[in-house]
Full PDB file with SEQRES, HELIX, SHEET, SSBOND, CRYST1, ORIGX, SCALE, CONECT and MASTER records, all heavy atoms in Angstrom:
SEQRES   1 A   39  ASP LEU LEU ALA ASP TYR LYS ASN ASN VAL ALA LEU TYR          
SEQRES   2 A   39  PRO LYS PHE GLN GLU TYR PHE ARG THR HIS ARG PRO PRO          
SEQRES   3 A   39  THR LEU ALA VAL TRP GLY LYS ASN ASP PRO PHE PHE LEU          
HELIX    1 AA1 LEU A    2  ALA A   11  1                                  10    
HELIX    2 AA2 TYR A   13  HIS A   23  1                                  11    
CRYST1    1.000    1.000    1.000  90.00  90.00  90.00 P 1           1          
ORIGX1      1.000000  0.000000  0.000000        0.00000                         
ORIGX2      0.000000  1.000000  0.000000        0.00000                         
ORIGX3      0.000000  0.000000  1.000000        0.00000                         
SCALE1      1.000000  0.000000  0.000000        0.00000                         
SCALE2      0.000000  1.000000  0.000000        0.00000                         
SCALE3      0.000000  0.000000  1.000000        0.00000                         
ATOM      1  N   ASP A   1     -16.256 -69.326  28.951  1.00  0.00           N  
ATOM      2  CA  ASP A   1     -16.989 -69.992  27.863  1.00  0.00           C  
ATOM      3  C   ASP A   1     -18.436 -70.253  28.269  1.00  0.00           C  
ATOM      4  O   ASP A   1     -19.364 -70.067  27.471  1.00  0.00           O  
ATOM      5  CB  ASP A   1     -16.316 -71.309  27.484  1.00  0.00           C  
ATOM      6  CG  ASP A   1     -14.978 -71.117  26.778  1.00  0.00           C  
ATOM      7  OD1 ASP A   1     -14.686 -69.992  26.305  1.00  0.00           O  
ATOM      8  OD2 ASP A   1     -14.215 -72.106  26.719  1.00  0.00           O  
ATOM      9  N   LEU A   2     -18.646 -70.683  29.518  1.00  0.00           N  
ATOM     10  CA  LEU A   2     -20.006 -70.924  30.000  1.00  0.00           C  
ATOM     11  C   LEU A   2     -20.826 -69.638  30.030  1.00  0.00           C  
ATOM     12  O   LEU A   2     -21.996 -69.620  29.628  1.00  0.00           O  
ATOM     13  CB  LEU A   2     -19.977 -71.570  31.380  1.00  0.00           C  
ATOM     14  CG  LEU A   2     -19.531 -73.027  31.412  1.00  0.00           C  
ATOM     15  CD1 LEU A   2     -19.285 -73.471  32.854  1.00  0.00           C  
ATOM     16  CD2 LEU A   2     -20.552 -73.924  30.741  1.00  0.00           C  
ATOM     17  N   LEU A   3     -20.221 -68.559  30.514  1.00  0.00           N  
ATOM     18  CA  LEU A   3     -20.935 -67.274  30.537  1.00  0.00           C  
ATOM     19  C   LEU A   3     -21.269 -66.816  29.121  1.00  0.00           C  
ATOM     20  O   LEU A   3     -22.359 -66.302  28.869  1.00  0.00           O  
ATOM     21  CB  LEU A   3     -20.113 -66.209  31.256  1.00  0.00           C  
ATOM     22  CG  LEU A   3     -20.005 -66.354  32.766  1.00  0.00           C  
ATOM     23  CD1 LEU A   3     -19.055 -65.294  33.332  1.00  0.00           C  
ATOM     24  CD2 LEU A   3     -21.369 -66.245  33.427  1.00  0.00           C  
ATOM     25  N   ALA A   4     -20.342 -67.011  28.200  1.00  0.00           N  
ATOM     26  CA  ALA A   4     -20.593 -66.621  26.812  1.00  0.00           C  
ATOM     27  C   ALA A   4     -21.737 -67.431  26.223  1.00  0.00           C  
ATOM     28  O   ALA A   4     -22.580 -66.905  25.490  1.00  0.00           O  
ATOM     29  CB  ALA A   4     -19.326 -66.794  25.975  1.00  0.00           C  
ATOM     30  N   ASP A   5     -21.788 -68.709  26.571  1.00  0.00           N  
ATOM     31  CA  ASP A   5     -22.817 -69.593  26.026  1.00  0.00           C  
ATOM     32  C   ASP A   5     -24.190 -69.375  26.665  1.00  0.00           C  
ATOM     33  O   ASP A   5     -25.206 -69.748  26.087  1.00  0.00           O  
ATOM     34  CB  ASP A   5     -22.394 -71.058  26.194  1.00  0.00           C  
ATOM     35  CG  ASP A   5     -23.360 -71.994  25.507  1.00  0.00           C  
ATOM     36  OD1 ASP A   5     -23.461 -71.936  24.257  1.00  0.00           O  
ATOM     37  OD2 ASP A   5     -24.043 -72.755  26.209  1.00  0.00           O  
ATOM     38  N   TYR A   6     -24.238 -68.752  27.836  1.00  0.00           N  
ATOM     39  CA  TYR A   6     -25.515 -68.568  28.528  1.00  0.00           C  
ATOM     40  C   TYR A   6     -26.503 -67.757  27.684  1.00  0.00           C  
ATOM     41  O   TYR A   6     -27.706 -67.871  27.873  1.00  0.00           O  
ATOM     42  CB  TYR A   6     -25.304 -67.915  29.897  1.00  0.00           C  
ATOM     43  CG  TYR A   6     -26.506 -68.042  30.793  1.00  0.00           C  
ATOM     44  CD1 TYR A   6     -26.796 -69.245  31.426  1.00  0.00           C  
ATOM     45  CD2 TYR A   6     -27.380 -66.976  30.981  1.00  0.00           C  
ATOM     46  CE1 TYR A   6     -27.917 -69.377  32.231  1.00  0.00           C  
ATOM     47  CE2 TYR A   6     -28.502 -67.098  31.786  1.00  0.00           C  
ATOM     48  CZ  TYR A   6     -28.762 -68.301  32.407  1.00  0.00           C  
ATOM     49  OH  TYR A   6     -29.870 -68.428  33.193  1.00  0.00           O  
ATOM     50  N   LYS A   7     -26.007 -66.998  26.730  1.00  0.00           N  
ATOM     51  CA  LYS A   7     -26.920 -66.259  25.848  1.00  0.00           C  
ATOM     52  C   LYS A   7     -27.853 -67.208  25.109  1.00  0.00           C  
ATOM     53  O   LYS A   7     -28.985 -66.850  24.787  1.00  0.00           O  
ATOM     54  CB  LYS A   7     -26.143 -65.394  24.853  1.00  0.00           C  
ATOM     55  CG  LYS A   7     -25.409 -66.159  23.775  1.00  0.00           C  
ATOM     56  CD  LYS A   7     -24.693 -65.245  22.817  1.00  0.00           C  
ATOM     57  CE  LYS A   7     -23.912 -66.050  21.808  1.00  0.00           C  
ATOM     58  NZ  LYS A   7     -23.150 -65.188  20.924  1.00  0.00           N  
ATOM     59  N   ASN A   8     -27.406 -68.442  24.858  1.00  0.00           N  
ATOM     60  CA  ASN A   8     -28.258 -69.420  24.190  1.00  0.00           C  
ATOM     61  C   ASN A   8     -29.418 -69.858  25.096  1.00  0.00           C  
ATOM     62  O   ASN A   8     -30.508 -70.136  24.610  1.00  0.00           O  
ATOM     63  CB  ASN A   8     -27.433 -70.623  23.744  1.00  0.00           C  
ATOM     64  CG  ASN A   8     -26.446 -70.225  22.667  1.00  0.00           C  
ATOM     65  OD1 ASN A   8     -26.803 -69.547  21.706  1.00  0.00           O  
ATOM     66  ND2 ASN A   8     -25.189 -70.602  22.851  1.00  0.00           N  
ATOM     67  N   ASN A   9     -29.174 -69.897  26.392  1.00  0.00           N  
ATOM     68  CA  ASN A   9     -30.237 -70.181  27.348  1.00  0.00           C  
ATOM     69  C   ASN A   9     -31.257 -69.047  27.330  1.00  0.00           C  
ATOM     70  O   ASN A   9     -32.462 -69.282  27.241  1.00  0.00           O  
ATOM     71  CB  ASN A   9     -29.630 -70.365  28.745  1.00  0.00           C  
ATOM     72  CG  ASN A   9     -30.634 -70.844  29.759  1.00  0.00           C  
ATOM     73  OD1 ASN A   9     -31.758 -71.180  29.438  1.00  0.00           O  
ATOM     74  ND2 ASN A   9     -30.210 -70.878  31.004  1.00  0.00           N  
ATOM     75  N   VAL A  10     -30.781 -67.828  27.393  1.00  0.00           N  
ATOM     76  CA  VAL A  10     -31.674 -66.662  27.387  1.00  0.00           C  
ATOM     77  C   VAL A  10     -32.488 -66.626  26.091  1.00  0.00           C  
ATOM     78  O   VAL A  10     -33.682 -66.315  26.120  1.00  0.00           O  
ATOM     79  CB  VAL A  10     -30.872 -65.363  27.591  1.00  0.00           C  
ATOM     80  CG1 VAL A  10     -31.750 -64.134  27.426  1.00  0.00           C  
ATOM     81  CG2 VAL A  10     -30.209 -65.369  28.972  1.00  0.00           C  
ATOM     82  N   ALA A  11     -31.863 -66.978  24.987  1.00  0.00           N  
ATOM     83  CA  ALA A  11     -32.575 -66.991  23.702  1.00  0.00           C  
ATOM     84  C   ALA A  11     -33.727 -68.004  23.711  1.00  0.00           C  
ATOM     85  O   ALA A  11     -34.703 -67.837  22.968  1.00  0.00           O  
ATOM     86  CB  ALA A  11     -31.608 -67.297  22.564  1.00  0.00           C  
ATOM     87  N   LEU A  12     -33.623 -69.015  24.540  1.00  0.00           N  
ATOM     88  CA  LEU A  12     -34.679 -70.035  24.625  1.00  0.00           C  
ATOM     89  C   LEU A  12     -35.791 -69.666  25.603  1.00  0.00           C  
ATOM     90  O   LEU A  12     -36.794 -70.392  25.682  1.00  0.00           O  
ATOM     91  CB  LEU A  12     -34.070 -71.383  25.029  1.00  0.00           C  
ATOM     92  CG  LEU A  12     -33.206 -72.049  23.969  1.00  0.00           C  
ATOM     93  CD1 LEU A  12     -32.503 -73.279  24.548  1.00  0.00           C  
ATOM     94  CD2 LEU A  12     -34.043 -72.438  22.750  1.00  0.00           C  
ATOM     95  N   TYR A  13     -35.654 -68.583  26.338  1.00  0.00           N  
ATOM     96  CA  TYR A  13     -36.688 -68.190  27.300  1.00  0.00           C  
ATOM     97  C   TYR A  13     -38.087 -68.184  26.684  1.00  0.00           C  
ATOM     98  O   TYR A  13     -39.022 -68.701  27.298  1.00  0.00           O  
ATOM     99  CB  TYR A  13     -36.382 -66.832  27.925  1.00  0.00           C  
ATOM    100  CG  TYR A  13     -35.348 -66.835  29.030  1.00  0.00           C  
ATOM    101  CD1 TYR A  13     -34.557 -67.940  29.319  1.00  0.00           C  
ATOM    102  CD2 TYR A  13     -35.151 -65.697  29.798  1.00  0.00           C  
ATOM    103  CE1 TYR A  13     -33.609 -67.917  30.319  1.00  0.00           C  
ATOM    104  CE2 TYR A  13     -34.212 -65.663  30.820  1.00  0.00           C  
ATOM    105  CZ  TYR A  13     -33.448 -66.776  31.075  1.00  0.00           C  
ATOM    106  OH  TYR A  13     -32.515 -66.741  32.080  1.00  0.00           O  
ATOM    107  N   PRO A  14     -38.285 -67.623  25.497  1.00  0.00           N  
ATOM    108  CA  PRO A  14     -39.646 -67.643  24.932  1.00  0.00           C  
ATOM    109  C   PRO A  14     -40.204 -69.069  24.762  1.00  0.00           C  
ATOM    110  O   PRO A  14     -41.391 -69.298  24.993  1.00  0.00           O  
ATOM    111  CB  PRO A  14     -39.501 -66.938  23.585  1.00  0.00           C  
ATOM    112  CG  PRO A  14     -38.323 -66.028  23.781  1.00  0.00           C  
ATOM    113  CD  PRO A  14     -37.383 -66.809  24.667  1.00  0.00           C  
ATOM    114  N   LYS A  15     -39.347 -70.018  24.412  1.00  0.00           N  
ATOM    115  CA  LYS A  15     -39.805 -71.405  24.278  1.00  0.00           C  
ATOM    116  C   LYS A  15     -40.143 -71.996  25.644  1.00  0.00           C  
ATOM    117  O   LYS A  15     -41.135 -72.711  25.791  1.00  0.00           O  
ATOM    118  CB  LYS A  15     -38.757 -72.260  23.571  1.00  0.00           C  
ATOM    119  CG  LYS A  15     -38.643 -71.947  22.096  1.00  0.00           C  
ATOM    120  CD  LYS A  15     -37.682 -72.876  21.411  1.00  0.00           C  
ATOM    121  CE  LYS A  15     -37.634 -72.523  19.933  1.00  0.00           C  
ATOM    122  NZ  LYS A  15     -36.808 -73.451  19.163  1.00  0.00           N  
ATOM    123  N   PHE A  16     -39.312 -71.703  26.647  1.00  0.00           N  
ATOM    124  CA  PHE A  16     -39.607 -72.180  28.002  1.00  0.00           C  
ATOM    125  C   PHE A  16     -40.936 -71.600  28.465  1.00  0.00           C  
ATOM    126  O   PHE A  16     -41.790 -72.310  29.020  1.00  0.00           O  
ATOM    127  CB  PHE A  16     -38.528 -71.744  28.998  1.00  0.00           C  
ATOM    128  CG  PHE A  16     -37.140 -72.245  28.731  1.00  0.00           C  
ATOM    129  CD1 PHE A  16     -36.049 -71.530  29.185  1.00  0.00           C  
ATOM    130  CD2 PHE A  16     -36.904 -73.425  28.041  1.00  0.00           C  
ATOM    131  CE1 PHE A  16     -34.760 -71.976  28.966  1.00  0.00           C  
ATOM    132  CE2 PHE A  16     -35.610 -73.882  27.822  1.00  0.00           C  
ATOM    133  CZ  PHE A  16     -34.527 -73.149  28.280  1.00  0.00           C  
ATOM    134  N   GLN A  17     -41.107 -70.314  28.247  1.00  0.00           N  
ATOM    135  CA  GLN A  17     -42.337 -69.639  28.692  1.00  0.00           C  
ATOM    136  C   GLN A  17     -43.561 -70.217  27.992  1.00  0.00           C  
ATOM    137  O   GLN A  17     -44.608 -70.434  28.623  1.00  0.00           O  
ATOM    138  CB  GLN A  17     -42.209 -68.130  28.455  1.00  0.00           C  
ATOM    139  CG  GLN A  17     -41.165 -67.511  29.358  1.00  0.00           C  
ATOM    140  CD  GLN A  17     -40.643 -66.180  28.859  1.00  0.00           C  
ATOM    141  OE1 GLN A  17     -40.758 -65.847  27.674  1.00  0.00           O  
ATOM    142  NE2 GLN A  17     -40.051 -65.410  29.758  1.00  0.00           N  
ATOM    143  N   GLU A  18     -43.449 -70.480  26.704  1.00  0.00           N  
ATOM    144  CA  GLU A  18     -44.559 -71.086  25.961  1.00  0.00           C  
ATOM    145  C   GLU A  18     -44.874 -72.472  26.508  1.00  0.00           C  
ATOM    146  O   GLU A  18     -46.039 -72.852  26.648  1.00  0.00           O  
ATOM    147  CB  GLU A  18     -44.242 -71.153  24.467  1.00  0.00           C  
ATOM    148  CG  GLU A  18     -45.338 -71.794  23.635  1.00  0.00           C  
ATOM    149  CD  GLU A  18     -46.676 -71.073  23.729  1.00  0.00           C  
ATOM    150  OE1 GLU A  18     -46.699 -69.835  23.937  1.00  0.00           O  
ATOM    151  OE2 GLU A  18     -47.721 -71.758  23.607  1.00  0.00           O  
ATOM    152  N   TYR A  19     -43.850 -73.235  26.823  1.00  0.00           N  
ATOM    153  CA  TYR A  19     -44.057 -74.558  27.402  1.00  0.00           C  
ATOM    154  C   TYR A  19     -44.839 -74.449  28.717  1.00  0.00           C  
ATOM    155  O   TYR A  19     -45.799 -75.187  28.941  1.00  0.00           O  
ATOM    156  CB  TYR A  19     -42.718 -75.264  27.633  1.00  0.00           C  
ATOM    157  CG  TYR A  19     -42.894 -76.610  28.288  1.00  0.00           C  
ATOM    158  CD1 TYR A  19     -43.208 -77.731  27.529  1.00  0.00           C  
ATOM    159  CD2 TYR A  19     -42.776 -76.748  29.664  1.00  0.00           C  
ATOM    160  CE1 TYR A  19     -43.398 -78.973  28.127  1.00  0.00           C  
ATOM    161  CE2 TYR A  19     -42.963 -77.986  30.268  1.00  0.00           C  
ATOM    162  CZ  TYR A  19     -43.273 -79.085  29.500  1.00  0.00           C  
ATOM    163  OH  TYR A  19     -43.468 -80.302  30.095  1.00  0.00           O  
ATOM    164  N   PHE A  20     -44.430 -73.523  29.584  1.00  0.00           N  
ATOM    165  CA  PHE A  20     -45.135 -73.344  30.857  1.00  0.00           C  
ATOM    166  C   PHE A  20     -46.578 -72.903  30.642  1.00  0.00           C  
ATOM    167  O   PHE A  20     -47.488 -73.367  31.341  1.00  0.00           O  
ATOM    168  CB  PHE A  20     -44.405 -72.347  31.752  1.00  0.00           C  
ATOM    169  CG  PHE A  20     -43.214 -72.949  32.457  1.00  0.00           C  
ATOM    170  CD1 PHE A  20     -41.931 -72.648  32.053  1.00  0.00           C  
ATOM    171  CD2 PHE A  20     -43.396 -73.825  33.505  1.00  0.00           C  
ATOM    172  CE1 PHE A  20     -40.842 -73.208  32.693  1.00  0.00           C  
ATOM    173  CE2 PHE A  20     -42.313 -74.393  34.158  1.00  0.00           C  
ATOM    174  CZ  PHE A  20     -41.025 -74.086  33.745  1.00  0.00           C  
ATOM    175  N   ARG A  21     -46.805 -72.024  29.664  1.00  0.00           N  
ATOM    176  CA  ARG A  21     -48.174 -71.565  29.390  1.00  0.00           C  
ATOM    177  C   ARG A  21     -49.037 -72.699  28.839  1.00  0.00           C  
ATOM    178  O   ARG A  21     -50.202 -72.840  29.196  1.00  0.00           O  
ATOM    179  CB  ARG A  21     -48.154 -70.398  28.396  1.00  0.00           C  
ATOM    180  CG  ARG A  21     -47.802 -69.065  29.016  1.00  0.00           C  
ATOM    181  CD  ARG A  21     -48.056 -67.916  28.057  1.00  0.00           C  
ATOM    182  NE  ARG A  21     -47.251 -67.979  26.848  1.00  0.00           N  
ATOM    183  CZ  ARG A  21     -46.021 -67.470  26.723  1.00  0.00           C  
ATOM    184  NH1 ARG A  21     -45.456 -66.855  27.724  1.00  0.00           N  
ATOM    185  NH2 ARG A  21     -45.384 -67.565  25.595  1.00  0.00           N  
ATOM    186  N   THR A  22     -48.477 -73.499  27.958  1.00  0.00           N  
ATOM    187  CA  THR A  22     -49.235 -74.542  27.273  1.00  0.00           C  
ATOM    188  C   THR A  22     -49.456 -75.772  28.153  1.00  0.00           C  
ATOM    189  O   THR A  22     -50.570 -76.287  28.232  1.00  0.00           O  
ATOM    190  CB  THR A  22     -48.499 -74.965  25.979  1.00  0.00           C  
ATOM    191  OG1 THR A  22     -48.338 -73.808  25.154  1.00  0.00           O  
ATOM    192  CG2 THR A  22     -49.269 -76.037  25.232  1.00  0.00           C  
ATOM    193  N   HIS A  23     -48.407 -76.233  28.809  1.00  0.00           N  
ATOM    194  CA  HIS A  23     -48.472 -77.514  29.512  1.00  0.00           C  
ATOM    195  C   HIS A  23     -48.696 -77.386  31.020  1.00  0.00           C  
ATOM    196  O   HIS A  23     -49.121 -78.359  31.646  1.00  0.00           O  
ATOM    197  CB  HIS A  23     -47.212 -78.330  29.231  1.00  0.00           C  
ATOM    198  CG  HIS A  23     -47.042 -78.640  27.785  1.00  0.00           C  
ATOM    199  ND1 HIS A  23     -47.794 -79.594  27.129  1.00  0.00           N  
ATOM    200  CD2 HIS A  23     -46.229 -78.099  26.841  1.00  0.00           C  
ATOM    201  CE1 HIS A  23     -47.441 -79.637  25.862  1.00  0.00           C  
ATOM    202  NE2 HIS A  23     -46.493 -78.738  25.652  1.00  0.00           N  
ATOM    203  N   ARG A  24     -48.387 -76.244  31.567  1.00  0.00           N  
ATOM    204  CA  ARG A  24     -48.574 -75.975  33.006  1.00  0.00           C  
ATOM    205  C   ARG A  24     -48.094 -77.134  33.890  1.00  0.00           C  
ATOM    206  O   ARG A  24     -48.863 -77.685  34.684  1.00  0.00           O  
ATOM    207  CB  ARG A  24     -50.014 -75.621  33.295  1.00  0.00           C  
ATOM    208  CG  ARG A  24     -50.401 -74.343  32.581  1.00  0.00           C  
ATOM    209  CD  ARG A  24     -51.708 -73.815  33.023  1.00  0.00           C  
ATOM    210  NE  ARG A  24     -51.918 -72.514  32.375  1.00  0.00           N  
ATOM    211  CZ  ARG A  24     -52.968 -71.791  32.565  1.00  0.00           C  
ATOM    212  NH1 ARG A  24     -53.918 -72.190  33.384  1.00  0.00           N  
ATOM    213  NH2 ARG A  24     -53.089 -70.640  31.952  1.00  0.00           N  
ATOM    214  N   PRO A  25     -46.832 -77.493  33.766  1.00  0.00           N  
ATOM    215  CA  PRO A  25     -46.319 -78.584  34.599  1.00  0.00           C  
ATOM    216  C   PRO A  25     -46.238 -78.133  36.063  1.00  0.00           C  
ATOM    217  O   PRO A  25     -46.148 -76.927  36.345  1.00  0.00           O  
ATOM    218  CB  PRO A  25     -44.919 -78.816  34.040  1.00  0.00           C  
ATOM    219  CG  PRO A  25     -44.507 -77.462  33.539  1.00  0.00           C  
ATOM    220  CD  PRO A  25     -45.778 -76.871  32.961  1.00  0.00           C  
ATOM    221  N   PRO A  26     -46.263 -79.075  37.000  1.00  0.00           N  
ATOM    222  CA  PRO A  26     -46.051 -78.687  38.394  1.00  0.00           C  
ATOM    223  C   PRO A  26     -44.710 -77.961  38.499  1.00  0.00           C  
ATOM    224  O   PRO A  26     -43.691 -78.450  37.994  1.00  0.00           O  
ATOM    225  CB  PRO A  26     -46.013 -80.024  39.140  1.00  0.00           C  
ATOM    226  CG  PRO A  26     -46.716 -80.990  38.240  1.00  0.00           C  
ATOM    227  CD  PRO A  26     -46.445 -80.512  36.842  1.00  0.00           C  
ATOM    228  N   THR A  27     -44.747 -76.790  39.090  1.00  0.00           N  
ATOM    229  CA  THR A  27     -43.559 -75.952  39.113  1.00  0.00           C  
ATOM    230  C   THR A  27     -43.376 -75.341  40.486  1.00  0.00           C  
ATOM    231  O   THR A  27     -44.302 -74.752  41.038  1.00  0.00           O  
ATOM    232  CB  THR A  27     -43.678 -74.813  38.072  1.00  0.00           C  
ATOM    233  OG1 THR A  27     -43.891 -75.401  36.781  1.00  0.00           O  
ATOM    234  CG2 THR A  27     -42.438 -73.942  38.050  1.00  0.00           C  
ATOM    235  N   LEU A  28     -42.157 -75.478  41.012  1.00  0.00           N  
ATOM    236  CA  LEU A  28     -41.761 -74.818  42.248  1.00  0.00           C  
ATOM    237  C   LEU A  28     -40.504 -74.028  41.946  1.00  0.00           C  
ATOM    238  O   LEU A  28     -39.520 -74.581  41.444  1.00  0.00           O  
ATOM    239  CB  LEU A  28     -41.480 -75.841  43.357  1.00  0.00           C  
ATOM    240  CG  LEU A  28     -40.838 -75.289  44.625  1.00  0.00           C  
ATOM    241  CD1 LEU A  28     -41.787 -74.322  45.338  1.00  0.00           C  
ATOM    242  CD2 LEU A  28     -40.425 -76.434  45.556  1.00  0.00           C  
ATOM    243  N   ALA A  29     -40.538 -72.749  42.233  1.00  0.00           N  
ATOM    244  CA  ALA A  29     -39.352 -71.898  42.101  1.00  0.00           C  
ATOM    245  C   ALA A  29     -39.041 -71.329  43.475  1.00  0.00           C  
ATOM    246  O   ALA A  29     -39.870 -70.638  44.060  1.00  0.00           O  
ATOM    247  CB  ALA A  29     -39.603 -70.769  41.102  1.00  0.00           C  
ATOM    248  N   VAL A  30     -37.880 -71.676  44.002  1.00  0.00           N  
ATOM    249  CA  VAL A  30     -37.420 -71.096  45.262  1.00  0.00           C  
ATOM    250  C   VAL A  30     -36.322 -70.104  44.919  1.00  0.00           C  
ATOM    251  O   VAL A  30     -35.482 -70.362  44.060  1.00  0.00           O  
ATOM    252  CB  VAL A  30     -36.942 -72.170  46.260  1.00  0.00           C  
ATOM    253  CG1 VAL A  30     -38.104 -73.043  46.692  1.00  0.00           C  
ATOM    254  CG2 VAL A  30     -35.830 -73.015  45.686  1.00  0.00           C  
ATOM    255  N   TRP A  31     -36.356 -68.953  45.566  1.00  0.00           N  
ATOM    256  CA  TRP A  31     -35.553 -67.838  45.101  1.00  0.00           C  
ATOM    257  C   TRP A  31     -35.056 -67.003  46.270  1.00  0.00           C  
ATOM    258  O   TRP A  31     -35.808 -66.757  47.213  1.00  0.00           O  
ATOM    259  CB  TRP A  31     -36.462 -66.946  44.256  1.00  0.00           C  
ATOM    260  CG  TRP A  31     -35.867 -66.321  43.049  1.00  0.00           C  
ATOM    261  CD1 TRP A  31     -35.279 -65.092  42.971  1.00  0.00           C  
ATOM    262  CD2 TRP A  31     -35.847 -66.848  41.722  1.00  0.00           C  
ATOM    263  NE1 TRP A  31     -34.897 -64.832  41.684  1.00  0.00           N  
ATOM    264  CE2 TRP A  31     -35.237 -65.901  40.898  1.00  0.00           C  
ATOM    265  CE3 TRP A  31     -36.299 -68.042  41.155  1.00  0.00           C  
ATOM    266  CZ2 TRP A  31     -35.056 -66.091  39.544  1.00  0.00           C  
ATOM    267  CZ3 TRP A  31     -36.115 -68.233  39.808  1.00  0.00           C  
ATOM    268  CH2 TRP A  31     -35.502 -67.269  39.016  1.00  0.00           C  
ATOM    269  N   GLY A  32     -33.833 -66.546  46.172  1.00  0.00           N  
ATOM    270  CA  GLY A  32     -33.330 -65.555  47.118  1.00  0.00           C  
ATOM    271  C   GLY A  32     -33.844 -64.189  46.695  1.00  0.00           C  
ATOM    272  O   GLY A  32     -33.483 -63.708  45.620  1.00  0.00           O  
ATOM    273  N   LYS A  33     -34.691 -63.577  47.514  1.00  0.00           N  
ATOM    274  CA  LYS A  33     -35.292 -62.304  47.099  1.00  0.00           C  
ATOM    275  C   LYS A  33     -34.266 -61.181  46.992  1.00  0.00           C  
ATOM    276  O   LYS A  33     -34.534 -60.165  46.354  1.00  0.00           O  
ATOM    277  CB  LYS A  33     -36.440 -61.912  48.029  1.00  0.00           C  
ATOM    278  CG  LYS A  33     -36.036 -61.438  49.400  1.00  0.00           C  
ATOM    279  CD  LYS A  33     -37.258 -60.990  50.187  1.00  0.00           C  
ATOM    280  CE  LYS A  33     -36.851 -60.430  51.531  1.00  0.00           C  
ATOM    281  NZ  LYS A  33     -37.991 -59.947  52.283  1.00  0.00           N  
ATOM    282  N   ASN A  34     -33.083 -61.380  47.567  1.00  0.00           N  
ATOM    283  CA  ASN A  34     -32.039 -60.360  47.507  1.00  0.00           C  
ATOM    284  C   ASN A  34     -30.905 -60.746  46.551  1.00  0.00           C  
ATOM    285  O   ASN A  34     -29.815 -60.187  46.622  1.00  0.00           O  
ATOM    286  CB  ASN A  34     -31.458 -60.135  48.916  1.00  0.00           C  
ATOM    287  CG  ASN A  34     -32.533 -59.852  49.927  1.00  0.00           C  
ATOM    288  OD1 ASN A  34     -33.486 -59.127  49.668  1.00  0.00           O  
ATOM    289  ND2 ASN A  34     -32.410 -60.449  51.101  1.00  0.00           N  
ATOM    290  N   ASP A  35     -31.166 -61.705  45.685  1.00  0.00           N  
ATOM    291  CA  ASP A  35     -30.158 -62.160  44.721  1.00  0.00           C  
ATOM    292  C   ASP A  35     -29.764 -60.989  43.831  1.00  0.00           C  
ATOM    293  O   ASP A  35     -30.620 -60.389  43.172  1.00  0.00           O  
ATOM    294  CB  ASP A  35     -30.736 -63.294  43.880  1.00  0.00           C  
ATOM    295  CG  ASP A  35     -29.735 -63.947  42.952  1.00  0.00           C  
ATOM    296  OD1 ASP A  35     -28.736 -63.303  42.551  1.00  0.00           O  
ATOM    297  OD2 ASP A  35     -29.951 -65.116  42.597  1.00  0.00           O  
ATOM    298  N   PRO A  36     -28.472 -60.631  43.794  1.00  0.00           N  
ATOM    299  CA  PRO A  36     -28.063 -59.493  42.969  1.00  0.00           C  
ATOM    300  C   PRO A  36     -28.016 -59.804  41.474  1.00  0.00           C  
ATOM    301  O   PRO A  36     -27.862 -58.899  40.656  1.00  0.00           O  
ATOM    302  CB  PRO A  36     -26.675 -59.151  43.495  1.00  0.00           C  
ATOM    303  CG  PRO A  36     -26.154 -60.423  44.050  1.00  0.00           C  
ATOM    304  CD  PRO A  36     -27.357 -61.175  44.560  1.00  0.00           C  
ATOM    305  N   PHE A  37     -28.153 -61.071  41.105  1.00  0.00           N  
ATOM    306  CA  PHE A  37     -28.047 -61.472  39.704  1.00  0.00           C  
ATOM    307  C   PHE A  37     -29.400 -61.821  39.096  1.00  0.00           C  
ATOM    308  O   PHE A  37     -29.743 -61.347  38.024  1.00  0.00           O  
ATOM    309  CB  PHE A  37     -27.095 -62.671  39.563  1.00  0.00           C  
ATOM    310  CG  PHE A  37     -25.741 -62.420  40.142  1.00  0.00           C  
ATOM    311  CD1 PHE A  37     -25.386 -62.949  41.367  1.00  0.00           C  
ATOM    312  CD2 PHE A  37     -24.827 -61.619  39.481  1.00  0.00           C  
ATOM    313  CE1 PHE A  37     -24.142 -62.702  41.917  1.00  0.00           C  
ATOM    314  CE2 PHE A  37     -23.583 -61.361  40.022  1.00  0.00           C  
ATOM    315  CZ  PHE A  37     -23.245 -61.900  41.247  1.00  0.00           C  
ATOM    316  N   PHE A  38     -30.136 -62.695  39.765  1.00  0.00           N  
ATOM    317  CA  PHE A  38     -31.444 -63.136  39.278  1.00  0.00           C  
ATOM    318  C   PHE A  38     -32.502 -62.490  40.171  1.00  0.00           C  
ATOM    319  O   PHE A  38     -32.741 -62.943  41.288  1.00  0.00           O  
ATOM    320  CB  PHE A  38     -31.552 -64.659  39.288  1.00  0.00           C  
ATOM    321  CG  PHE A  38     -30.608 -65.318  38.321  1.00  0.00           C  
ATOM    322  CD1 PHE A  38     -29.383 -65.797  38.746  1.00  0.00           C  
ATOM    323  CD2 PHE A  38     -30.942 -65.431  36.981  1.00  0.00           C  
ATOM    324  CE1 PHE A  38     -28.504 -66.395  37.854  1.00  0.00           C  
ATOM    325  CE2 PHE A  38     -30.071 -66.029  36.083  1.00  0.00           C  
ATOM    326  CZ  PHE A  38     -28.847 -66.505  36.523  1.00  0.00           C  
ATOM    327  N   LEU A  39     -33.103 -61.445  39.667  1.00  0.00           N  
ATOM    328  CA  LEU A  39     -34.019 -60.619  40.447  1.00  0.00           C  
ATOM    329  C   LEU A  39     -35.390 -61.283  40.603  1.00  0.00           C  
ATOM    330  O   LEU A  39     -35.761 -62.162  39.815  1.00  0.00           O  
ATOM    331  CB  LEU A  39     -34.156 -59.253  39.777  1.00  0.00           C  
ATOM    332  CG  LEU A  39     -32.835 -58.498  39.564  1.00  0.00           C  
ATOM    333  CD1 LEU A  39     -33.074 -57.194  38.820  1.00  0.00           C  
ATOM    334  CD2 LEU A  39     -32.125 -58.244  40.887  1.00  0.00           C  
TER     335      LEU A  39                                                      
MASTER        0    0    0    2    0    0    0    6  334    1    0    3          
END                                                                             
């Protein structure tokens, strides 16, 4: 059910991106460069 619902998160990406462009909040993203799921 959670995986099925994740499409709603993806659908909101444009709104998240607009928020970051408009408001530029302090942002730190730490990432596994070899993550097979989130590239």
